Amino acid sequence: MRAGALAVGVFLLVIGIVVFWIGYSDLQQYGGLLGQISQSLSAEVRNKVAQDQFMAVGGGVAAIIGLAVTIYGLAANRKN
């Protein structure tokens, strides 16, 4: 069971980092003046920015949870 926690933790950590990086790198396109102008003019761009923000936050949360579960799995394996 403890090895399973370690595997789940590492999986969540990797997936969280990947999702965070995709969302964060896409958000960088809209950070400048041109990005702000395009957001004010296009609802499609605003939706894309909202989706990227959700990916960045969700990926960050998944990575933190994955890190916590990984640490738990490592600590639990050392006790036995």
Protein backbone atom coordinates (compact mmCIF):
# COMPACT_ATOMS: atom_id res chain seq x y z
CA MET A 1 0.00 0.00 0.00
CA ARG A 2 2.81 2.39 0.81
CA ALA A 3 4.53 1.70 -2.49
CA GLY A 4 1.22 2.53 -4.15
CA ALA A 5 1.18 5.90 -2.38
CA LEU A 6 4.67 6.57 -3.67
CA ALA A 7 3.68 5.67 -7.23
CA VAL A 8 0.53 7.81 -7.10
CA GLY A 9 2.50 10.70 -5.63
CA VAL A 10 5.13 10.61 -8.34
CA PHE A 11 2.44 10.32 -11.02
CA LEU A 12 0.53 13.33 -9.65
CA LEU A 13 3.75 15.29 -9.31
CA VAL A 14 4.78 14.69 -12.92
CA ILE A 15 1.31 15.31 -14.36
CA GLY A 16 0.90 18.44 -12.23
CA ILE A 17 4.21 19.88 -13.38
CA VAL A 18 3.42 19.18 -17.04
CA VAL A 19 -0.07 20.73 -16.84
CA PHE A 20 1.28 23.72 -14.93
CA TRP A 21 4.03 24.30 -17.46
CA ILE A 22 1.65 24.12 -20.42
CA GLY A 23 -0.76 26.61 -18.85
CA TYR A 24 1.99 28.92 -17.64
CA SER A 25 3.85 29.00 -20.95
CA ASP A 26 0.62 29.77 -22.82
CA LEU A 27 -0.15 32.58 -20.38
CA GLN A 28 3.18 34.22 -21.18
CA GLN A 29 1.88 35.02 -24.67
CA TYR A 30 -0.81 37.29 -23.24
CA GLY A 31 1.26 39.15 -20.65
CA GLY A 32 2.36 42.11 -22.73
CA LEU A 33 0.53 45.11 -24.10
CA LEU A 34 -0.55 43.31 -27.27
CA GLY A 35 -1.90 40.44 -25.21
CA GLN A 36 -3.89 42.80 -23.01
CA ILE A 37 -5.34 44.53 -26.05
CA SER A 38 -6.29 41.22 -27.67
CA GLN A 39 -7.99 40.12 -24.45
CA SER A 40 -10.07 43.27 -24.37
CA LEU A 41 -11.17 42.82 -27.97
CA SER A 42 -11.79 39.08 -28.21
CA ALA A 43 -13.98 36.84 -26.05
CA GLU A 44 -12.20 33.82 -27.52
CA VAL A 45 -8.84 35.08 -26.24
CA ARG A 46 -10.35 35.79 -22.80
CA ASN A 47 -11.66 32.21 -22.67
CA LYS A 48 -8.24 30.86 -23.67
CA VAL A 49 -6.56 32.94 -20.93
CA ALA A 50 -9.08 31.71 -18.35
CA GLN A 51 -8.43 28.12 -19.43
CA ASP A 52 -4.66 28.62 -19.20
CA GLN A 53 -5.01 30.16 -15.75
CA PHE A 54 -7.08 27.19 -14.62
CA MET A 55 -4.45 24.81 -16.00
CA ALA A 56 -1.64 26.67 -14.25
CA VAL A 57 -3.42 26.74 -10.89
CA GLY A 58 -4.78 23.18 -11.18
CA GLY A 59 -1.41 21.83 -12.24
CA GLY A 60 0.27 23.61 -9.36
CA VAL A 61 -2.20 22.18 -6.87
CA ALA A 62 -1.81 18.67 -8.34
CA ALA A 63 1.99 18.99 -8.15
CA ILE A 64 1.85 20.06 -4.50
CA ILE A 65 -0.49 17.21 -3.61
CA GLY A 66 1.75 14.82 -5.55
CA LEU A 67 4.79 16.06 -3.67
CA ALA A 68 3.04 15.56 -0.33
CA VAL A 69 1.92 12.03 -1.24
CA THR A 70 5.41 11.21 -2.52
CA ILE A 71 6.98 12.37 0.75
CA TYR A 72 4.40 10.34 2.67
CA GLY A 73 5.19 7.26 0.56
CA LEU A 74 8.93 7.68 1.11
CA ALA A 75 8.54 8.19 4.86
CA ALA A 76 6.13 5.27 5.20
CA ASN A 77 8.51 2.92 3.38
CA ARG A 78 11.39 3.82 5.69
CA LYS A 79 9.39 2.97 8.81
CA ASN A 80 8.93 -0.65 7.74
